[in-house]
Full PDB file with SEQRES, HELIX, SHEET, SSBOND, CRYST1, ORIGX, SCALE, CONECT and MASTER records, all heavy atoms in Angstrom:
SEQRES   1 A   33  ILE SER MET TYR SER MET GLY GLY LEU ALA GLU ARG CYS          
SEQRES   2 A   33  VAL VAL PRO ALA THR ASP VAL PHE PRO VAL PRO ASP GLU          
SEQRES   3 A   33  LEU ALA LEU THR ASP ALA ALA                                  
HELIX    1 AA1 ALA A   17  ASP A   19  5                                   3    
HELIX    2 AA2 LEU A   29  ALA A   32  1                                   4    
CRYST1    1.000    1.000    1.000  90.00  90.00  90.00 P 1           1          
ORIGX1      1.000000  0.000000  0.000000        0.00000                         
ORIGX2      0.000000  1.000000  0.000000        0.00000                         
ORIGX3      0.000000  0.000000  1.000000        0.00000                         
SCALE1      1.000000  0.000000  0.000000        0.00000                         
SCALE2      0.000000  1.000000  0.000000        0.00000                         
SCALE3      0.000000  0.000000  1.000000        0.00000                         
ATOM      1  N   ILE A   1     -26.043 -21.351  22.655  1.00  0.00           N  
ATOM      2  CA  ILE A   1     -25.116 -20.228  22.754  1.00  0.00           C  
ATOM      3  C   ILE A   1     -25.557 -19.174  21.742  1.00  0.00           C  
ATOM      4  O   ILE A   1     -25.666 -19.458  20.545  1.00  0.00           O  
ATOM      5  CB  ILE A   1     -23.666 -20.658  22.461  1.00  0.00           C  
ATOM      6  CG1 ILE A   1     -23.247 -21.814  23.362  1.00  0.00           C  
ATOM      7  CG2 ILE A   1     -22.717 -19.473  22.591  1.00  0.00           C  
ATOM      8  CD1 ILE A   1     -23.120 -21.464  24.815  1.00  0.00           C  
ATOM      9  N   SER A   2     -25.828 -17.965  22.207  1.00  0.00           N  
ATOM     10  CA  SER A   2     -26.282 -16.899  21.314  1.00  0.00           C  
ATOM     11  C   SER A   2     -25.178 -16.482  20.348  1.00  0.00           C  
ATOM     12  O   SER A   2     -23.985 -16.596  20.644  1.00  0.00           O  
ATOM     13  CB  SER A   2     -26.747 -15.696  22.132  1.00  0.00           C  
ATOM     14  OG  SER A   2     -27.834 -16.029  22.968  1.00  0.00           O  
ATOM     15  N   MET A   3     -25.593 -15.965  19.202  1.00  0.00           N  
ATOM     16  CA  MET A   3     -24.681 -15.551  18.138  1.00  0.00           C  
ATOM     17  C   MET A   3     -24.779 -14.043  17.945  1.00  0.00           C  
ATOM     18  O   MET A   3     -25.858 -13.528  17.651  1.00  0.00           O  
ATOM     19  CB  MET A   3     -25.045 -16.239  16.817  1.00  0.00           C  
ATOM     20  CG  MET A   3     -25.112 -17.749  16.877  1.00  0.00           C  
ATOM     21  SD  MET A   3     -25.951 -18.448  15.419  1.00  0.00           S  
ATOM     22  CE  MET A   3     -24.871 -17.899  14.088  1.00  0.00           C  
ATOM     23  N   TYR A   4     -23.669 -13.337  18.108  1.00  0.00           N  
ATOM     24  CA  TYR A   4     -23.626 -11.916  17.780  1.00  0.00           C  
ATOM     25  C   TYR A   4     -23.206 -11.820  16.322  1.00  0.00           C  
ATOM     26  O   TYR A   4     -22.058 -12.096  15.984  1.00  0.00           O  
ATOM     27  CB  TYR A   4     -22.654 -11.190  18.697  1.00  0.00           C  
ATOM     28  CG  TYR A   4     -22.812  -9.691  18.685  1.00  0.00           C  
ATOM     29  CD1 TYR A   4     -23.926  -9.093  19.280  1.00  0.00           C  
ATOM     30  CD2 TYR A   4     -21.862  -8.879  18.094  1.00  0.00           C  
ATOM     31  CE1 TYR A   4     -24.077  -7.711  19.284  1.00  0.00           C  
ATOM     32  CE2 TYR A   4     -22.004  -7.503  18.092  1.00  0.00           C  
ATOM     33  CZ  TYR A   4     -23.109  -6.919  18.677  1.00  0.00           C  
ATOM     34  OH  TYR A   4     -23.253  -5.551  18.674  1.00  0.00           O  
ATOM     35  N   SER A   5     -24.126 -11.433  15.427  1.00  0.00           N  
ATOM     36  CA  SER A   5     -23.985 -11.655  13.990  1.00  0.00           C  
ATOM     37  C   SER A   5     -23.753 -13.149  13.786  1.00  0.00           C  
ATOM     38  O   SER A   5     -24.550 -13.961  14.227  1.00  0.00           O  
ATOM     39  CB  SER A   5     -22.883 -10.796  13.373  1.00  0.00           C  
ATOM     40  OG  SER A   5     -23.265  -9.432  13.336  1.00  0.00           O  
ATOM     41  N   MET A   6     -22.634 -13.523  13.169  1.00  0.00           N  
ATOM     42  CA  MET A   6     -22.383 -14.943  12.881  1.00  0.00           C  
ATOM     43  C   MET A   6     -21.612 -15.652  13.992  1.00  0.00           C  
ATOM     44  O   MET A   6     -21.399 -16.850  13.927  1.00  0.00           O  
ATOM     45  CB  MET A   6     -21.627 -15.088  11.559  1.00  0.00           C  
ATOM     46  CG  MET A   6     -20.211 -14.557  11.551  1.00  0.00           C  
ATOM     47  SD  MET A   6     -20.055 -12.742  11.592  1.00  0.00           S  
ATOM     48  CE  MET A   6     -20.710 -12.299   9.995  1.00  0.00           C  
ATOM     49  N   GLY A   7     -21.227 -14.924  15.043  1.00  0.00           N  
ATOM     50  CA  GLY A   7     -20.431 -15.535  16.106  1.00  0.00           C  
ATOM     51  C   GLY A   7     -19.066 -15.941  15.577  1.00  0.00           C  
ATOM     52  O   GLY A   7     -18.680 -17.110  15.603  1.00  0.00           O  
ATOM     53  N   GLY A   8     -18.298 -14.952  15.130  1.00  0.00           N  
ATOM     54  CA  GLY A   8     -17.076 -15.233  14.390  1.00  0.00           C  
ATOM     55  C   GLY A   8     -15.844 -15.544  15.214  1.00  0.00           C  
ATOM     56  O   GLY A   8     -14.813 -15.924  14.649  1.00  0.00           O  
ATOM     57  N   LEU A   9     -15.909 -15.412  16.555  1.00  0.00           N  
ATOM     58  CA  LEU A   9     -14.756 -15.761  17.382  1.00  0.00           C  
ATOM     59  C   LEU A   9     -14.771 -17.261  17.653  1.00  0.00           C  
ATOM     60  O   LEU A   9     -14.843 -17.730  18.783  1.00  0.00           O  
ATOM     61  CB  LEU A   9     -14.788 -14.969  18.686  1.00  0.00           C  
ATOM     62  CG  LEU A   9     -14.394 -13.499  18.576  1.00  0.00           C  
ATOM     63  CD1 LEU A   9     -14.665 -12.769  19.882  1.00  0.00           C  
ATOM     64  CD2 LEU A   9     -12.925 -13.344  18.164  1.00  0.00           C  
ATOM     65  N   ALA A  10     -14.707 -18.006  16.583  1.00  0.00           N  
ATOM     66  CA  ALA A  10     -14.794 -19.467  16.626  1.00  0.00           C  
ATOM     67  C   ALA A  10     -14.138 -20.035  15.383  1.00  0.00           C  
ATOM     68  O   ALA A  10     -13.904 -19.317  14.401  1.00  0.00           O  
ATOM     69  CB  ALA A  10     -16.252 -19.909  16.711  1.00  0.00           C  
ATOM     70  N   GLU A  11     -13.845 -21.307  15.436  1.00  0.00           N  
ATOM     71  CA  GLU A  11     -13.197 -21.928  14.281  1.00  0.00           C  
ATOM     72  C   GLU A  11     -14.158 -22.151  13.120  1.00  0.00           C  
ATOM     73  O   GLU A  11     -13.724 -22.319  11.978  1.00  0.00           O  
ATOM     74  CB  GLU A  11     -12.564 -23.253  14.707  1.00  0.00           C  
ATOM     75  CG  GLU A  11     -11.392 -23.049  15.660  1.00  0.00           C  
ATOM     76  CD  GLU A  11     -10.819 -24.343  16.197  1.00  0.00           C  
ATOM     77  OE1 GLU A  11     -11.584 -25.312  16.391  1.00  0.00           O  
ATOM     78  OE2 GLU A  11      -9.584 -24.383  16.432  1.00  0.00           O  
ATOM     79  N   ARG A  12     -15.454 -22.144  13.411  1.00  0.00           N  
ATOM     80  CA  ARG A  12     -16.457 -22.274  12.342  1.00  0.00           C  
ATOM     81  C   ARG A  12     -17.661 -21.418  12.694  1.00  0.00           C  
ATOM     82  O   ARG A  12     -18.001 -21.250  13.862  1.00  0.00           O  
ATOM     83  CB  ARG A  12     -16.871 -23.740  12.142  1.00  0.00           C  
ATOM     84  CG  ARG A  12     -17.912 -23.931  11.041  1.00  0.00           C  
ATOM     85  CD  ARG A  12     -18.109 -25.392  10.675  1.00  0.00           C  
ATOM     86  NE  ARG A  12     -16.939 -25.934   9.960  1.00  0.00           N  
ATOM     87  CZ  ARG A  12     -16.935 -27.110   9.337  1.00  0.00           C  
ATOM     88  NH1 ARG A  12     -18.012 -27.889   9.360  1.00  0.00           N  
ATOM     89  NH2 ARG A  12     -15.850 -27.520   8.706  1.00  0.00           N  
ATOM     90  N   CYS A  13     -18.308 -20.857  11.678  1.00  0.00           N  
ATOM     91  CA  CYS A  13     -19.520 -20.062  11.906  1.00  0.00           C  
ATOM     92  C   CYS A  13     -20.510 -20.298  10.780  1.00  0.00           C  
ATOM     93  O   CYS A  13     -20.149 -20.821   9.719  1.00  0.00           O  
ATOM     94  CB  CYS A  13     -19.189 -18.574  12.022  1.00  0.00           C  
ATOM     95  SG  CYS A  13     -18.626 -17.813  10.487  1.00  0.00           S  
ATOM     96  N   VAL A  14     -21.754 -19.917  11.009  1.00  0.00           N  
ATOM     97  CA  VAL A  14     -22.819 -20.045  10.010  1.00  0.00           C  
ATOM     98  C   VAL A  14     -23.349 -18.654   9.690  1.00  0.00           C  
ATOM     99  O   VAL A  14     -23.615 -17.850  10.579  1.00  0.00           O  
ATOM    100  CB  VAL A  14     -23.953 -20.954  10.516  1.00  0.00           C  
ATOM    101  CG1 VAL A  14     -25.165 -20.881   9.580  1.00  0.00           C  
ATOM    102  CG2 VAL A  14     -23.465 -22.391  10.625  1.00  0.00           C  
ATOM    103  N   VAL A  15     -23.502 -18.390   8.386  1.00  0.00           N  
ATOM    104  CA  VAL A  15     -23.890 -17.074   7.893  1.00  0.00           C  
ATOM    105  C   VAL A  15     -24.978 -17.222   6.829  1.00  0.00           C  
ATOM    106  O   VAL A  15     -24.895 -18.137   6.005  1.00  0.00           O  
ATOM    107  CB  VAL A  15     -22.671 -16.355   7.250  1.00  0.00           C  
ATOM    108  CG1 VAL A  15     -22.978 -14.896   6.977  1.00  0.00           C  
ATOM    109  CG2 VAL A  15     -21.443 -16.487   8.111  1.00  0.00           C  
ATOM    110  N   PRO A  16     -25.985 -16.353   6.804  1.00  0.00           N  
ATOM    111  CA  PRO A  16     -26.926 -16.353   5.674  1.00  0.00           C  
ATOM    112  C   PRO A  16     -26.176 -16.137   4.363  1.00  0.00           C  
ATOM    113  O   PRO A  16     -25.226 -15.343   4.296  1.00  0.00           O  
ATOM    114  CB  PRO A  16     -27.859 -15.184   5.981  1.00  0.00           C  
ATOM    115  CG  PRO A  16     -27.791 -15.024   7.467  1.00  0.00           C  
ATOM    116  CD  PRO A  16     -26.372 -15.360   7.832  1.00  0.00           C  
ATOM    117  N   ALA A  17     -26.588 -16.824   3.319  1.00  0.00           N  
ATOM    118  CA  ALA A  17     -25.900 -16.725   2.030  1.00  0.00           C  
ATOM    119  C   ALA A  17     -25.983 -15.329   1.427  1.00  0.00           C  
ATOM    120  O   ALA A  17     -25.177 -14.979   0.565  1.00  0.00           O  
ATOM    121  CB  ALA A  17     -26.477 -17.752   1.054  1.00  0.00           C  
ATOM    122  N   THR A  18     -26.933 -14.515   1.886  1.00  0.00           N  
ATOM    123  CA  THR A  18     -27.031 -13.131   1.426  1.00  0.00           C  
ATOM    124  C   THR A  18     -25.851 -12.288   1.886  1.00  0.00           C  
ATOM    125  O   THR A  18     -25.695 -11.146   1.435  1.00  0.00           O  
ATOM    126  CB  THR A  18     -28.321 -12.480   1.953  1.00  0.00           C  
ATOM    127  OG1 THR A  18     -28.375 -12.645   3.384  1.00  0.00           O  
ATOM    128  CG2 THR A  18     -29.557 -13.110   1.328  1.00  0.00           C  
ATOM    129  N   ASP A  19     -25.023 -12.846   2.768  1.00  0.00           N  
ATOM    130  CA  ASP A  19     -23.957 -12.076   3.390  1.00  0.00           C  
ATOM    131  C   ASP A  19     -22.580 -12.685   3.142  1.00  0.00           C  
ATOM    132  O   ASP A  19     -21.680 -12.535   3.949  1.00  0.00           O  
ATOM    133  CB  ASP A  19     -24.222 -11.967   4.896  1.00  0.00           C  
ATOM    134  CG  ASP A  19     -23.280 -10.994   5.590  1.00  0.00           C  
ATOM    135  OD1 ASP A  19     -22.975  -9.951   4.981  1.00  0.00           O  
ATOM    136  OD2 ASP A  19     -22.852 -11.279   6.720  1.00  0.00           O  
ATOM    137  N   VAL A  20     -22.418 -13.354   2.029  1.00  0.00           N  
ATOM    138  CA  VAL A  20     -21.161 -14.036   1.719  1.00  0.00           C  
ATOM    139  C   VAL A  20     -20.640 -13.498   0.389  1.00  0.00           C  
ATOM    140  O   VAL A  20     -21.334 -13.559  -0.626  1.00  0.00           O  
ATOM    141  CB  VAL A  20     -21.370 -15.561   1.648  1.00  0.00           C  
ATOM    142  CG1 VAL A  20     -20.086 -16.260   1.240  1.00  0.00           C  
ATOM    143  CG2 VAL A  20     -21.841 -16.082   3.000  1.00  0.00           C  
ATOM    144  N   PHE A  21     -19.379 -13.003   0.385  1.00  0.00           N  
ATOM    145  CA  PHE A  21     -18.837 -12.321  -0.780  1.00  0.00           C  
ATOM    146  C   PHE A  21     -17.435 -12.839  -1.102  1.00  0.00           C  
ATOM    147  O   PHE A  21     -16.570 -12.876  -0.213  1.00  0.00           O  
ATOM    148  CB  PHE A  21     -18.794 -10.809  -0.530  1.00  0.00           C  
ATOM    149  CG  PHE A  21     -20.133 -10.244  -0.181  1.00  0.00           C  
ATOM    150  CD1 PHE A  21     -20.521 -10.131   1.153  1.00  0.00           C  
ATOM    151  CD2 PHE A  21     -21.022  -9.858  -1.170  1.00  0.00           C  
ATOM    152  CE1 PHE A  21     -21.769  -9.635   1.486  1.00  0.00           C  
ATOM    153  CE2 PHE A  21     -22.270  -9.363  -0.845  1.00  0.00           C  
ATOM    154  CZ  PHE A  21     -22.649  -9.253   0.489  1.00  0.00           C  
ATOM    155  N   PRO A  22     -17.180 -13.249  -2.347  1.00  0.00           N  
ATOM    156  CA  PRO A  22     -15.875 -13.793  -2.722  1.00  0.00           C  
ATOM    157  C   PRO A  22     -14.751 -12.785  -2.510  1.00  0.00           C  
ATOM    158  O   PRO A  22     -14.891 -11.593  -2.789  1.00  0.00           O  
ATOM    159  CB  PRO A  22     -16.037 -14.128  -4.211  1.00  0.00           C  
ATOM    160  CG  PRO A  22     -17.519 -14.320  -4.392  1.00  0.00           C  
ATOM    161  CD  PRO A  22     -18.158 -13.338  -3.459  1.00  0.00           C  
ATOM    162  N   VAL A  23     -13.618 -13.283  -2.020  1.00  0.00           N  
ATOM    163  CA  VAL A  23     -12.435 -12.460  -1.758  1.00  0.00           C  
ATOM    164  C   VAL A  23     -11.444 -12.644  -2.897  1.00  0.00           C  
ATOM    165  O   VAL A  23     -11.152 -13.779  -3.293  1.00  0.00           O  
ATOM    166  CB  VAL A  23     -11.787 -12.866  -0.415  1.00  0.00           C  
ATOM    167  CG1 VAL A  23     -10.435 -12.182  -0.237  1.00  0.00           C  
ATOM    168  CG2 VAL A  23     -12.720 -12.534   0.740  1.00  0.00           C  
ATOM    169  N   PRO A  24     -10.902 -11.549  -3.454  1.00  0.00           N  
ATOM    170  CA  PRO A  24      -9.903 -11.676  -4.526  1.00  0.00           C  
ATOM    171  C   PRO A  24      -8.700 -12.494  -4.077  1.00  0.00           C  
ATOM    172  O   PRO A  24      -8.283 -12.441  -2.915  1.00  0.00           O  
ATOM    173  CB  PRO A  24      -9.501 -10.219  -4.791  1.00  0.00           C  
ATOM    174  CG  PRO A  24     -10.631  -9.394  -4.275  1.00  0.00           C  
ATOM    175  CD  PRO A  24     -11.200 -10.148  -3.116  1.00  0.00           C  
ATOM    176  N   ASP A  25      -8.118 -13.247  -5.015  1.00  0.00           N  
ATOM    177  CA  ASP A  25      -7.008 -14.144  -4.695  1.00  0.00           C  
ATOM    178  C   ASP A  25      -5.803 -13.403  -4.123  1.00  0.00           C  
ATOM    179  O   ASP A  25      -5.055 -13.957  -3.314  1.00  0.00           O  
ATOM    180  CB  ASP A  25      -6.577 -14.910  -5.950  1.00  0.00           C  
ATOM    181  CG  ASP A  25      -7.618 -15.938  -6.370  1.00  0.00           C  
ATOM    182  OD1 ASP A  25      -8.444 -16.327  -5.528  1.00  0.00           O  
ATOM    183  OD2 ASP A  25      -7.610 -16.340  -7.553  1.00  0.00           O  
ATOM    184  N   GLU A  26      -5.627 -12.141  -4.528  1.00  0.00           N  
ATOM    185  CA  GLU A  26      -4.436 -11.406  -4.087  1.00  0.00           C  
ATOM    186  C   GLU A  26      -4.545 -10.887  -2.653  1.00  0.00           C  
ATOM    187  O   GLU A  26      -3.553 -10.398  -2.101  1.00  0.00           O  
ATOM    188  CB  GLU A  26      -4.160 -10.228  -5.030  1.00  0.00           C  
ATOM    189  CG  GLU A  26      -5.268  -9.203  -5.125  1.00  0.00           C  
ATOM    190  CD  GLU A  26      -6.273  -9.492  -6.238  1.00  0.00           C  
ATOM    191  OE1 GLU A  26      -6.369 -10.668  -6.652  1.00  0.00           O  
ATOM    192  OE2 GLU A  26      -6.950  -8.547  -6.667  1.00  0.00           O  
ATOM    193  N   LEU A  27      -5.707 -11.017  -2.032  1.00  0.00           N  
ATOM    194  CA  LEU A  27      -5.899 -10.527  -0.673  1.00  0.00           C  
ATOM    195  C   LEU A  27      -5.893 -11.686   0.309  1.00  0.00           C  
ATOM    196  O   LEU A  27      -6.655 -12.645   0.167  1.00  0.00           O  
ATOM    197  CB  LEU A  27      -7.230  -9.767  -0.572  1.00  0.00           C  
ATOM    198  CG  LEU A  27      -7.593  -9.202   0.801  1.00  0.00           C  
ATOM    199  CD1 LEU A  27      -6.549  -8.201   1.274  1.00  0.00           C  
ATOM    200  CD2 LEU A  27      -8.973  -8.560   0.768  1.00  0.00           C  
ATOM    201  N   ALA A  28      -5.018 -11.607   1.318  1.00  0.00           N  
ATOM    202  CA  ALA A  28      -4.963 -12.654   2.344  1.00  0.00           C  
ATOM    203  C   ALA A  28      -6.262 -12.688   3.133  1.00  0.00           C  
ATOM    204  O   ALA A  28      -6.809 -11.641   3.491  1.00  0.00           O  
ATOM    205  CB  ALA A  28      -3.791 -12.398   3.283  1.00  0.00           C  
ATOM    206  N   LEU A  29      -6.747 -13.894   3.410  1.00  0.00           N  
ATOM    207  CA  LEU A  29      -8.005 -14.017   4.151  1.00  0.00           C  
ATOM    208  C   LEU A  29      -7.906 -13.396   5.538  1.00  0.00           C  
ATOM    209  O   LEU A  29      -8.870 -12.817   6.043  1.00  0.00           O  
ATOM    210  CB  LEU A  29      -8.403 -15.488   4.271  1.00  0.00           C  
ATOM    211  CG  LEU A  29      -9.147 -16.093   3.088  1.00  0.00           C  
ATOM    212  CD1 LEU A  29      -9.444 -17.569   3.348  1.00  0.00           C  
ATOM    213  CD2 LEU A  29     -10.446 -15.346   2.804  1.00  0.00           C  
ATOM    214  N   THR A  30      -6.757 -13.520   6.166  1.00  0.00           N  
ATOM    215  CA  THR A  30      -6.608 -12.946   7.504  1.00  0.00           C  
ATOM    216  C   THR A  30      -6.687 -11.425   7.469  1.00  0.00           C  
ATOM    217  O   THR A  30      -7.062 -10.793   8.459  1.00  0.00           O  
ATOM    218  CB  THR A  30      -5.281 -13.391   8.143  1.00  0.00           C  
ATOM    219  OG1 THR A  30      -4.209 -13.154   7.215  1.00  0.00           O  
ATOM    220  CG2 THR A  30      -5.327 -14.875   8.499  1.00  0.00           C  
ATOM    221  N   ASP A  31      -6.368 -10.803   6.333  1.00  0.00           N  
ATOM    222  CA  ASP A  31      -6.528  -9.362   6.174  1.00  0.00           C  
ATOM    223  C   ASP A  31      -7.968  -9.010   5.795  1.00  0.00           C  
ATOM    224  O   ASP A  31      -8.497  -7.975   6.202  1.00  0.00           O  
ATOM    225  CB  ASP A  31      -5.583  -8.824   5.104  1.00  0.00           C  
ATOM    226  CG  ASP A  31      -4.133  -8.845   5.543  1.00  0.00           C  
ATOM    227  OD1 ASP A  31      -3.846  -9.299   6.674  1.00  0.00           O  
ATOM    228  OD2 ASP A  31      -3.277  -8.423   4.750  1.00  0.00           O  
ATOM    229  N   ALA A  32      -8.592  -9.875   5.016  1.00  0.00           N  
ATOM    230  CA  ALA A  32      -9.960  -9.619   4.547  1.00  0.00           C  
ATOM    231  C   ALA A  32     -10.966  -9.581   5.686  1.00  0.00           C  
ATOM    232  O   ALA A  32     -12.062  -9.029   5.534  1.00  0.00           O  
ATOM    233  CB  ALA A  32     -10.367 -10.677   3.528  1.00  0.00           C  
ATOM    234  N   ALA A  33     -10.606 -10.149   6.839  1.00  0.00           N  
ATOM    235  CA  ALA A  33     -11.541 -10.186   7.960  1.00  0.00           C  
ATOM    236  C   ALA A  33     -12.022  -8.799   8.359  1.00  0.00           C  
ATOM    237  O   ALA A  33     -13.188  -8.628   8.744  1.00  0.00           O  
ATOM    238  CB  ALA A  33     -10.893 -10.880   9.165  1.00  0.00           C  
TER     239      ALA A  33                                                      
MASTER        0    0    0    2    0    0    0    6  238    1    0    3          
END                                                                             
């Protein structure tokens, strides 16, 4: 199954570590998307 970027319309995805950034605790993850 091809991936458009990380293929995020799924319960789990794989991303290069160069593209992962910590989210501040005060921001809801569902908003950070």
